[in-house]
């Protein structure tokens, strides 16, 4: 997210301009009004180009969610990456009494660096299954090629006709799929 810069007051701009007209240097003006030399230079440059000290009219629509609400959205996802945008929007509605669309929630999360991905499946192998698998491997590792030529291997494929088998989607930052 971008840093929002604080604008200088119009009175300060007038003082900067008056000091500049009195042939003071940028460093001297900056020390007098306790601002940076860059600020002094930008105020003078803007006055030279536009001949105006007033604030610029801001363009674009104001954000519907505040910075606090954006942080809340990101914190919800940090705690539980499996929450979807609909659930987050309803949480915000309950807490802040404000209608927020799921599109806004997704946009905030994308700006924060998150993207939706399919969760990696972690095979659960208990201690008992580990022991059984090692015993099986030890038993068949010494078999000769004649034995393995008589064994028939098959492939299994699962097809879903009506519904998904429950893929789980999670919000993740890049390179964190195993976290």
N, C-alpha and C. Protein backbone atom coordinates (compact mmCIF):
# COMPACT_ATOMS: atom_id res chain seq x y z
N UNK A 1 0.83 -1.17 0.00
CA UNK A 1 0.00 0.00 0.00
C UNK A 1 0.88 1.24 0.00
N UNK A 2 0.46 2.27 -0.65
CA UNK A 2 1.27 3.47 -0.77
C UNK A 2 1.14 4.32 0.49
N UNK A 3 2.22 5.04 0.79
CA UNK A 3 2.21 5.97 1.91
C UNK A 3 1.47 7.23 1.53
N UNK A 4 0.66 7.73 2.41
CA UNK A 4 -0.06 8.97 2.14
C UNK A 4 0.73 10.12 2.73
N UNK A 5 1.09 11.06 1.90
CA UNK A 5 1.90 12.19 2.34
C UNK A 5 0.98 13.28 2.90
N UNK A 6 1.46 13.93 3.96
CA UNK A 6 0.69 15.02 4.58
C UNK A 6 0.98 16.30 3.81
N UNK A 7 -0.06 17.01 3.44
CA UNK A 7 0.11 18.25 2.69
C UNK A 7 0.52 19.38 3.63
N UNK A 8 1.29 20.30 3.10
CA UNK A 8 1.65 21.48 3.89
C UNK A 8 0.46 22.44 3.91
N UNK A 9 0.37 23.18 5.00
CA UNK A 9 -0.73 24.15 5.14
C UNK A 9 -0.52 25.32 4.18
N UNK A 10 -1.59 25.96 3.81
CA UNK A 10 -1.52 27.08 2.86
C UNK A 10 -0.73 28.23 3.46
N UNK A 11 -0.86 28.46 4.78
CA UNK A 11 -0.09 29.51 5.43
C UNK A 11 1.41 29.24 5.32
N UNK A 12 1.80 27.97 5.52
CA UNK A 12 3.21 27.60 5.38
C UNK A 12 3.70 27.84 3.95
N UNK A 13 2.86 27.53 2.99
CA UNK A 13 3.24 27.75 1.59
C UNK A 13 3.46 29.23 1.30
N UNK A 14 2.59 30.07 1.88
CA UNK A 14 2.74 31.52 1.70
C UNK A 14 4.05 32.02 2.33
N UNK A 15 4.38 31.49 3.50
CA UNK A 15 5.63 31.88 4.17
C UNK A 15 6.82 31.45 3.32
N UNK A 16 6.78 30.22 2.79
CA UNK A 16 7.86 29.72 1.93
C UNK A 16 8.04 30.64 0.73
N UNK A 17 6.94 31.01 0.10
CA UNK A 17 7.00 31.86 -1.09
C UNK A 17 7.54 33.25 -0.76
N UNK A 18 7.12 33.83 0.38
CA UNK A 18 7.62 35.15 0.78
C UNK A 18 9.13 35.10 1.07
N UNK A 19 9.57 34.03 1.75
CA UNK A 19 11.00 33.89 2.03
C UNK A 19 11.79 33.70 0.74
N UNK A 20 11.20 32.99 -0.20
CA UNK A 20 11.87 32.78 -1.50
C UNK A 20 12.00 34.11 -2.25
N UNK A 21 10.95 34.93 -2.16
CA UNK A 21 10.99 36.24 -2.83
C UNK A 21 12.01 37.17 -2.17
N UNK A 22 12.35 36.89 -0.91
CA UNK A 22 13.38 37.67 -0.21
C UNK A 22 14.78 37.11 -0.48
N UNK A 23 14.88 36.24 -1.50
CA UNK A 23 16.15 35.64 -1.95
C UNK A 23 16.83 34.76 -0.89
N UNK A 24 16.03 34.07 -0.10
CA UNK A 24 16.57 33.09 0.84
C UNK A 24 16.80 31.78 0.08
N UNK A 25 17.78 31.00 0.48
CA UNK A 25 18.05 29.71 -0.16
C UNK A 25 17.07 28.66 0.36
N UNK A 26 17.01 27.51 -0.34
CA UNK A 26 16.11 26.43 0.08
C UNK A 26 16.49 25.94 1.47
N UNK A 27 17.78 25.82 1.75
CA UNK A 27 18.22 25.35 3.07
C UNK A 27 17.81 26.31 4.17
N UNK A 28 17.97 27.62 3.93
CA UNK A 28 17.59 28.61 4.94
C UNK A 28 16.08 28.58 5.20
N UNK A 29 15.31 28.49 4.13
CA UNK A 29 13.84 28.44 4.28
C UNK A 29 13.44 27.17 5.05
N UNK A 30 14.08 26.05 4.72
CA UNK A 30 13.75 24.78 5.39
C UNK A 30 14.06 24.86 6.88
N UNK A 31 15.15 25.51 7.25
CA UNK A 31 15.49 25.65 8.67
C UNK A 31 14.53 26.59 9.39
N UNK A 32 14.13 27.65 8.72
CA UNK A 32 13.23 28.62 9.35
C UNK A 32 11.86 28.01 9.65
N UNK A 33 11.29 27.29 8.66
CA UNK A 33 9.92 26.75 8.86
C UNK A 33 9.92 25.31 9.36
N UNK A 34 11.11 24.74 9.56
CA UNK A 34 11.26 23.39 10.10
C UNK A 34 10.60 22.32 9.20
N UNK A 35 10.86 22.43 7.92
CA UNK A 35 10.42 21.45 6.92
C UNK A 35 11.64 21.00 6.13
N UNK A 36 11.49 19.97 5.35
CA UNK A 36 12.62 19.49 4.56
C UNK A 36 12.86 20.40 3.36
N UNK A 37 14.09 20.33 2.86
CA UNK A 37 14.46 21.12 1.69
C UNK A 37 13.64 20.69 0.47
N UNK A 38 13.34 19.39 0.41
CA UNK A 38 12.53 18.86 -0.70
C UNK A 38 11.13 19.49 -0.69
N UNK A 39 10.54 19.62 0.50
CA UNK A 39 9.21 20.22 0.61
C UNK A 39 9.23 21.66 0.12
N UNK A 40 10.25 22.41 0.55
CA UNK A 40 10.39 23.80 0.14
C UNK A 40 10.52 23.89 -1.38
N UNK A 41 11.38 23.04 -1.94
CA UNK A 41 11.61 23.06 -3.39
C UNK A 41 10.34 22.72 -4.16
N UNK A 42 9.59 21.71 -3.68
CA UNK A 42 8.38 21.32 -4.40
C UNK A 42 7.30 22.39 -4.34
N UNK A 43 7.18 23.10 -3.21
CA UNK A 43 6.19 24.19 -3.11
C UNK A 43 6.55 25.31 -4.09
N UNK A 44 7.81 25.67 -4.13
CA UNK A 44 8.24 26.75 -5.03
C UNK A 44 8.10 26.33 -6.49
N UNK A 45 8.47 25.11 -6.78
CA UNK A 45 8.36 24.60 -8.16
C UNK A 45 6.91 24.60 -8.61
N UNK A 46 6.03 24.17 -7.72
CA UNK A 46 4.61 24.11 -8.07
C UNK A 46 4.06 25.52 -8.31
N UNK A 47 4.48 26.47 -7.47
CA UNK A 47 4.00 27.84 -7.66
C UNK A 47 4.50 28.41 -8.99
N UNK A 48 5.73 28.11 -9.35
CA UNK A 48 6.28 28.61 -10.61
C UNK A 48 5.53 28.05 -11.81
N UNK A 49 5.17 26.78 -11.74
CA UNK A 49 4.50 26.15 -12.89
C UNK A 49 3.01 26.49 -12.95
N UNK A 50 2.33 26.50 -11.81
CA UNK A 50 0.87 26.69 -11.80
C UNK A 50 0.44 28.07 -11.33
N UNK A 51 1.33 28.79 -10.64
CA UNK A 51 1.03 30.08 -10.03
C UNK A 51 -0.20 29.98 -9.11
N UNK A 52 -0.19 28.92 -8.33
CA UNK A 52 -1.31 28.67 -7.43
C UNK A 52 -0.77 27.98 -6.17
N UNK A 53 -1.26 28.37 -5.02
CA UNK A 53 -0.84 27.74 -3.76
C UNK A 53 -1.93 26.84 -3.18
N UNK A 54 -3.10 26.84 -3.77
CA UNK A 54 -4.23 26.07 -3.24
C UNK A 54 -4.00 24.56 -3.42
N UNK A 55 -4.74 23.78 -2.63
CA UNK A 55 -4.67 22.32 -2.75
C UNK A 55 -5.25 21.87 -4.08
N UNK A 56 -4.68 20.80 -4.61
CA UNK A 56 -5.22 20.25 -5.85
C UNK A 56 -6.51 19.49 -5.54
N UNK A 57 -7.40 19.48 -6.50
CA UNK A 57 -8.64 18.73 -6.36
C UNK A 57 -8.30 17.26 -6.55
N UNK A 58 -8.72 16.46 -5.58
CA UNK A 58 -8.42 15.02 -5.65
C UNK A 58 -9.35 14.35 -6.62
N UNK A 59 -8.79 13.47 -7.42
CA UNK A 59 -9.62 12.75 -8.40
C UNK A 59 -9.84 11.32 -7.93
N UNK A 60 -10.85 10.71 -8.45
CA UNK A 60 -11.16 9.33 -8.10
C UNK A 60 -12.07 9.25 -6.90
N UNK A 61 -12.70 8.11 -6.79
CA UNK A 61 -13.63 7.90 -5.70
C UNK A 61 -12.87 7.52 -4.43
N UNK A 62 -13.36 7.97 -3.29
CA UNK A 62 -12.75 7.61 -2.02
C UNK A 62 -12.99 6.14 -1.73
N UNK A 63 -12.06 5.52 -1.06
CA UNK A 63 -12.17 4.10 -0.75
C UNK A 63 -13.35 3.84 0.18
N UNK A 64 -14.06 2.76 -0.05
CA UNK A 64 -15.22 2.45 0.77
C UNK A 64 -14.80 1.87 2.13
N UNK A 65 -13.65 1.21 2.16
CA UNK A 65 -13.15 0.64 3.41
C UNK A 65 -11.99 1.48 3.93
N UNK A 66 -11.94 1.64 5.24
CA UNK A 66 -10.88 2.41 5.86
C UNK A 66 -9.63 1.56 6.01
N UNK A 67 -8.54 2.19 6.41
CA UNK A 67 -7.29 1.46 6.62
C UNK A 67 -7.46 0.43 7.73
N UNK A 68 -8.21 0.78 8.76
CA UNK A 68 -8.45 -0.15 9.86
C UNK A 68 -9.21 -1.39 9.36
N UNK A 69 -10.21 -1.17 8.51
CA UNK A 69 -10.98 -2.30 7.99
C UNK A 69 -10.12 -3.17 7.06
N UNK A 70 -9.22 -2.53 6.31
CA UNK A 70 -8.30 -3.30 5.46
C UNK A 70 -7.40 -4.18 6.30
N UNK A 71 -6.88 -3.62 7.41
CA UNK A 71 -6.04 -4.42 8.31
C UNK A 71 -6.84 -5.57 8.91
N UNK A 72 -8.09 -5.31 9.24
CA UNK A 72 -8.95 -6.36 9.81
C UNK A 72 -9.13 -7.50 8.82
N UNK A 73 -9.35 -7.17 7.54
CA UNK A 73 -9.51 -8.20 6.51
C UNK A 73 -8.26 -9.05 6.41
N UNK A 74 -7.10 -8.41 6.38
CA UNK A 74 -5.84 -9.14 6.26
C UNK A 74 -5.60 -10.00 7.50
N UNK A 75 -5.93 -9.48 8.69
CA UNK A 75 -5.75 -10.26 9.92
C UNK A 75 -6.66 -11.48 9.97
N UNK A 76 -7.87 -11.34 9.45
CA UNK A 76 -8.79 -12.49 9.40
C UNK A 76 -8.18 -13.60 8.55
N UNK A 77 -7.61 -13.22 7.42
CA UNK A 77 -7.02 -14.22 6.52
C UNK A 77 -5.74 -14.80 7.12
N UNK A 78 -4.97 -13.99 7.85
CA UNK A 78 -3.77 -14.52 8.51
C UNK A 78 -4.13 -15.58 9.53
N UNK A 79 -5.22 -15.34 10.28
CA UNK A 79 -5.64 -16.30 11.30
C UNK A 79 -6.20 -17.57 10.68
N UNK A 80 -7.03 -17.42 9.66
CA UNK A 80 -7.64 -18.58 9.01
C UNK A 80 -7.67 -18.36 7.50
N UNK A 81 -6.68 -18.89 6.77
CA UNK A 81 -6.61 -18.67 5.33
C UNK A 81 -7.76 -19.32 4.55
N UNK A 82 -8.52 -20.19 5.19
CA UNK A 82 -9.61 -20.89 4.50
C UNK A 82 -10.90 -20.08 4.43
N UNK A 83 -10.96 -18.93 5.12
CA UNK A 83 -12.18 -18.13 5.07
C UNK A 83 -12.34 -17.51 3.69
N UNK A 84 -13.54 -17.53 3.20
CA UNK A 84 -13.77 -16.96 1.86
C UNK A 84 -14.25 -15.51 1.98
N UNK A 85 -14.32 -14.85 0.85
CA UNK A 85 -14.63 -13.42 0.85
C UNK A 85 -16.05 -13.15 1.33
N UNK A 86 -16.97 -14.07 1.13
CA UNK A 86 -18.34 -13.88 1.61
C UNK A 86 -18.39 -13.86 3.13
N UNK A 87 -17.65 -14.79 3.75
CA UNK A 87 -17.61 -14.83 5.21
C UNK A 87 -16.96 -13.57 5.79
N UNK A 88 -15.89 -13.12 5.14
CA UNK A 88 -15.20 -11.92 5.61
C UNK A 88 -16.11 -10.71 5.50
N UNK A 89 -16.85 -10.60 4.40
CA UNK A 89 -17.78 -9.48 4.21
C UNK A 89 -18.86 -9.49 5.28
N UNK A 90 -19.36 -10.67 5.63
CA UNK A 90 -20.40 -10.74 6.68
C UNK A 90 -19.82 -10.41 8.05
N UNK A 91 -18.54 -10.79 8.29
CA UNK A 91 -17.89 -10.41 9.56
C UNK A 91 -17.76 -8.90 9.67
N UNK A 92 -17.37 -8.26 8.57
CA UNK A 92 -17.24 -6.80 8.58
C UNK A 92 -18.59 -6.13 8.79
N UNK A 93 -19.62 -6.69 8.19
CA UNK A 93 -20.96 -6.13 8.35
C UNK A 93 -21.40 -6.21 9.81
N UNK A 94 -21.10 -7.35 10.46
CA UNK A 94 -21.48 -7.52 11.85
C UNK A 94 -20.68 -6.60 12.77
N UNK A 95 -19.40 -6.43 12.48
CA UNK A 95 -18.55 -5.65 13.38
C UNK A 95 -18.63 -4.15 13.15
N UNK A 96 -18.60 -3.73 11.88
CA UNK A 96 -18.56 -2.30 11.57
C UNK A 96 -19.89 -1.74 11.08
N UNK A 97 -20.92 -2.58 10.97
CA UNK A 97 -22.24 -2.15 10.50
C UNK A 97 -22.16 -1.46 9.14
N UNK A 98 -21.36 -2.06 8.24
CA UNK A 98 -21.14 -1.46 6.93
C UNK A 98 -21.22 -2.56 5.87
N UNK A 99 -21.96 -2.27 4.81
CA UNK A 99 -22.06 -3.21 3.69
C UNK A 99 -20.77 -3.15 2.86
N UNK A 100 -20.07 -4.26 2.79
CA UNK A 100 -18.86 -4.35 1.98
C UNK A 100 -19.04 -5.54 1.04
N UNK A 101 -18.83 -5.30 -0.24
CA UNK A 101 -19.02 -6.39 -1.20
C UNK A 101 -17.84 -7.35 -1.16
N UNK A 102 -18.07 -8.55 -1.64
CA UNK A 102 -17.01 -9.56 -1.69
C UNK A 102 -15.91 -9.14 -2.66
N UNK A 103 -16.28 -8.38 -3.67
CA UNK A 103 -15.29 -7.90 -4.64
C UNK A 103 -14.28 -6.97 -3.97
N UNK A 104 -14.76 -6.11 -3.08
CA UNK A 104 -13.87 -5.21 -2.35
C UNK A 104 -12.93 -6.01 -1.45
N UNK A 105 -13.47 -7.02 -0.79
CA UNK A 105 -12.65 -7.87 0.09
C UNK A 105 -11.54 -8.54 -0.72
N UNK A 106 -11.89 -9.10 -1.87
CA UNK A 106 -10.88 -9.75 -2.71
C UNK A 106 -9.84 -8.75 -3.20
N UNK A 107 -10.27 -7.54 -3.55
CA UNK A 107 -9.34 -6.51 -4.02
C UNK A 107 -8.36 -6.12 -2.92
N UNK A 108 -8.85 -5.98 -1.69
CA UNK A 108 -7.99 -5.62 -0.56
C UNK A 108 -6.95 -6.72 -0.33
N UNK A 109 -7.39 -7.97 -0.40
CA UNK A 109 -6.46 -9.08 -0.18
C UNK A 109 -5.44 -9.18 -1.31
N UNK A 110 -5.86 -8.93 -2.54
CA UNK A 110 -4.91 -8.95 -3.66
C UNK A 110 -3.89 -7.83 -3.52
N UNK A 111 -4.34 -6.64 -3.08
CA UNK A 111 -3.41 -5.53 -2.86
C UNK A 111 -2.41 -5.86 -1.75
N UNK A 112 -2.83 -6.67 -0.79
CA UNK A 112 -1.95 -7.06 0.31
C UNK A 112 -1.01 -8.20 -0.08
N UNK A 113 -1.15 -8.71 -1.31
CA UNK A 113 -0.24 -9.75 -1.78
C UNK A 113 -0.78 -11.16 -1.71
N UNK A 114 -2.04 -11.31 -1.34
CA UNK A 114 -2.65 -12.65 -1.24
C UNK A 114 -3.30 -13.03 -2.56
N UNK A 115 -3.37 -14.33 -2.81
CA UNK A 115 -4.11 -14.84 -3.95
C UNK A 115 -4.75 -16.17 -3.55
N UNK A 116 -5.83 -16.53 -4.24
CA UNK A 116 -6.55 -17.76 -3.92
C UNK A 116 -5.88 -18.93 -4.63
N UNK A 117 -5.62 -19.96 -3.87
CA UNK A 117 -5.00 -21.15 -4.43
C UNK A 117 -5.68 -22.39 -3.86
N UNK A 118 -5.50 -23.49 -4.55
CA UNK A 118 -6.00 -24.76 -4.04
C UNK A 118 -5.03 -25.25 -2.98
N UNK A 119 -5.56 -25.63 -1.81
CA UNK A 119 -4.71 -26.06 -0.71
C UNK A 119 -4.01 -27.36 -1.06
N UNK A 120 -2.75 -27.44 -0.68
CA UNK A 120 -1.99 -28.68 -0.88
C UNK A 120 -2.53 -29.74 0.07
N UNK A 121 -2.61 -30.95 -0.43
CA UNK A 121 -3.06 -32.03 0.44
C UNK A 121 -1.86 -32.64 1.14
N UNK A 122 -1.95 -32.77 2.42
CA UNK A 122 -0.88 -33.35 3.20
C UNK A 122 -1.29 -34.77 3.55
N UNK A 123 -0.56 -35.76 3.08
CA UNK A 123 -0.95 -37.14 3.41
C UNK A 123 -0.74 -37.41 4.89
N UNK A 124 -1.75 -37.96 5.51
CA UNK A 124 -1.67 -38.30 6.92
C UNK A 124 -1.17 -39.72 7.04
N UNK A 125 -0.02 -39.88 7.60
CA UNK A 125 0.54 -41.21 7.81
C UNK A 125 0.79 -41.35 9.31
N UNK A 126 -0.03 -42.19 9.95
CA UNK A 126 0.12 -42.37 11.39
C UNK A 126 1.32 -43.28 11.68
N UNK A 127 1.70 -43.39 12.93
CA UNK A 127 2.83 -44.24 13.34
C UNK A 127 2.57 -45.70 12.98
N UNK A 128 1.32 -46.14 13.14
CA UNK A 128 0.98 -47.53 12.82
C UNK A 128 1.13 -47.77 11.32
N UNK A 129 0.61 -46.83 10.50
CA UNK A 129 0.74 -46.98 9.04
C UNK A 129 2.19 -46.90 8.60
N UNK A 130 3.00 -46.08 9.24
CA UNK A 130 4.42 -46.03 8.91
C UNK A 130 5.08 -47.38 9.15
N UNK A 131 4.75 -47.99 10.27
CA UNK A 131 5.32 -49.29 10.61
C UNK A 131 4.87 -50.35 9.61
N UNK A 132 3.57 -50.35 9.24
CA UNK A 132 3.05 -51.33 8.28
C UNK A 132 3.72 -51.15 6.91
N UNK A 133 3.91 -49.90 6.48
CA UNK A 133 4.52 -49.65 5.18
C UNK A 133 5.97 -50.11 5.14
N UNK A 134 6.71 -49.86 6.21
CA UNK A 134 8.12 -50.31 6.22
C UNK A 134 8.21 -51.82 6.26
N UNK A 135 7.32 -52.49 7.00
CA UNK A 135 7.32 -53.95 7.01
C UNK A 135 7.00 -54.51 5.62
N UNK A 136 6.02 -53.89 4.95
CA UNK A 136 5.66 -54.32 3.60
C UNK A 136 6.84 -54.15 2.64
N UNK A 137 7.52 -53.01 2.75
CA UNK A 137 8.65 -52.75 1.86
C UNK A 137 9.79 -53.71 2.13
N UNK A 138 10.07 -53.98 3.41
CA UNK A 138 11.15 -54.91 3.75
C UNK A 138 10.83 -56.33 3.27
N UNK A 139 9.55 -56.69 3.32
CA UNK A 139 9.15 -58.04 2.91
C UNK A 139 9.32 -58.23 1.40
N UNK A 140 8.97 -57.23 0.60
CA UNK A 140 8.97 -57.41 -0.85
C UNK A 140 10.22 -56.87 -1.55
N UNK A 141 11.14 -56.25 -0.82
CA UNK A 141 12.31 -55.68 -1.47
C UNK A 141 13.26 -56.77 -1.97
N UNK A 142 13.24 -57.93 -1.35
CA UNK A 142 14.17 -59.00 -1.73
C UNK A 142 13.60 -59.93 -2.80
N UNK A 143 12.38 -59.71 -3.25
CA UNK A 143 11.76 -60.57 -4.27
C UNK A 143 12.48 -60.41 -5.60
N UNK A 144 12.58 -61.49 -6.34
CA UNK A 144 13.28 -61.46 -7.63
C UNK A 144 12.34 -61.00 -8.75
N UNK A 145 12.88 -60.87 -9.94
CA UNK A 145 12.11 -60.33 -11.07
C UNK A 145 11.00 -61.27 -11.52
N UNK A 146 11.17 -62.59 -11.30
CA UNK A 146 10.09 -63.53 -11.68
C UNK A 146 8.82 -63.24 -10.89
N UNK A 147 8.97 -62.91 -9.62
CA UNK A 147 7.82 -62.59 -8.79
C UNK A 147 7.11 -61.34 -9.31
N UNK A 148 7.89 -60.31 -9.64
CA UNK A 148 7.30 -59.04 -10.04
C UNK A 148 6.69 -59.11 -11.44
N UNK A 149 7.11 -60.07 -12.27
CA UNK A 149 6.50 -60.24 -13.58
C UNK A 149 5.10 -60.83 -13.48
N UNK A 150 4.81 -61.51 -12.38
CA UNK A 150 3.50 -62.11 -12.17
C UNK A 150 2.51 -61.15 -11.49
N UNK A 151 3.02 -60.05 -11.00
CA UNK A 151 2.17 -59.07 -10.31
C UNK A 151 1.53 -58.15 -11.33
N UNK A 152 0.24 -57.92 -11.17
CA UNK A 152 -0.46 -57.03 -12.08
C UNK A 152 -0.71 -55.70 -11.37
N UNK A 153 -0.28 -54.60 -12.01
CA UNK A 153 -0.47 -53.26 -11.47
C UNK A 153 -1.66 -52.62 -12.17
N UNK A 154 -2.42 -51.85 -11.43
CA UNK A 154 -3.57 -51.17 -12.04
C UNK A 154 -3.57 -49.71 -11.60
N UNK A 155 -4.14 -48.90 -12.45
CA UNK A 155 -4.29 -47.48 -12.16
C UNK A 155 -5.75 -47.23 -11.81
N UNK A 156 -5.98 -46.36 -10.85
CA UNK A 156 -7.35 -46.01 -10.51
C UNK A 156 -7.57 -44.54 -10.80
N UNK A 157 -8.74 -44.24 -11.34
CA UNK A 157 -9.10 -42.86 -11.60
C UNK A 157 -10.48 -42.59 -11.04
N UNK A 158 -10.64 -41.43 -10.47
CA UNK A 158 -11.91 -41.06 -9.87
C UNK A 158 -12.54 -39.97 -10.73
N UNK A 159 -13.81 -40.12 -11.07
CA UNK A 159 -14.53 -39.12 -11.87
C UNK A 159 -15.74 -38.65 -11.09
N UNK A 160 -15.90 -37.36 -10.99
CA UNK A 160 -17.08 -36.77 -10.34
C UNK A 160 -18.05 -36.35 -11.42
N UNK A 161 -19.28 -36.81 -11.31
CA UNK A 161 -20.27 -36.49 -12.33
C UNK A 161 -21.03 -35.22 -11.96
N UNK A 162 -21.45 -35.09 -10.70
CA UNK A 162 -22.33 -33.99 -10.33
C UNK A 162 -21.65 -32.87 -9.57
N UNK A 163 -20.84 -33.18 -8.59
CA UNK A 163 -20.28 -32.13 -7.73
C UNK A 163 -18.78 -32.28 -7.60
N UNK A 164 -18.18 -31.23 -7.05
CA UNK A 164 -16.76 -31.28 -6.75
C UNK A 164 -16.53 -32.19 -5.55
N UNK A 165 -15.35 -32.73 -5.44
CA UNK A 165 -15.05 -33.59 -4.30
C UNK A 165 -14.52 -32.78 -3.12
N UNK A 166 -14.77 -31.49 -3.14
CA UNK A 166 -14.45 -30.67 -1.98
C UNK A 166 -13.06 -30.09 -2.00
N UNK A 167 -12.66 -29.51 -3.12
CA UNK A 167 -11.36 -28.83 -3.14
C UNK A 167 -11.42 -27.67 -2.17
N UNK A 168 -10.38 -27.50 -1.41
CA UNK A 168 -10.34 -26.43 -0.44
C UNK A 168 -9.49 -25.30 -1.01
N UNK A 169 -10.06 -24.09 -1.00
CA UNK A 169 -9.34 -22.92 -1.49
C UNK A 169 -8.82 -22.12 -0.30
N UNK A 170 -7.61 -21.62 -0.41
CA UNK A 170 -7.01 -20.84 0.67
C UNK A 170 -6.39 -19.57 0.11
N UNK A 171 -6.33 -18.54 0.95
CA UNK A 171 -5.64 -17.30 0.59
C UNK A 171 -4.19 -17.47 1.00
N UNK A 172 -3.27 -17.30 0.04
CA UNK A 172 -1.85 -17.46 0.33
C UNK A 172 -1.04 -16.38 -0.35
N UNK A 173 0.10 -16.08 0.27
CA UNK A 173 1.08 -15.22 -0.38
C UNK A 173 1.98 -16.12 -1.22
N UNK A 174 2.68 -15.58 -2.19
CA UNK A 174 3.56 -16.41 -3.02
C UNK A 174 4.62 -17.13 -2.18
N UNK A 175 4.92 -18.36 -2.59
CA UNK A 175 5.94 -19.22 -1.97
C UNK A 175 5.63 -19.58 -0.52
N UNK A 176 4.35 -19.68 -0.18
CA UNK A 176 3.99 -20.11 1.19
C UNK A 176 3.04 -21.30 1.15
N UNK A 177 3.06 -22.07 0.07
CA UNK A 177 2.08 -23.14 -0.07
C UNK A 177 2.27 -24.27 0.95
N UNK A 178 3.47 -24.41 1.53
CA UNK A 178 3.69 -25.48 2.49
C UNK A 178 3.58 -25.01 3.93
N UNK A 179 3.26 -23.73 4.14
CA UNK A 179 3.14 -23.22 5.51
C UNK A 179 1.85 -23.68 6.14
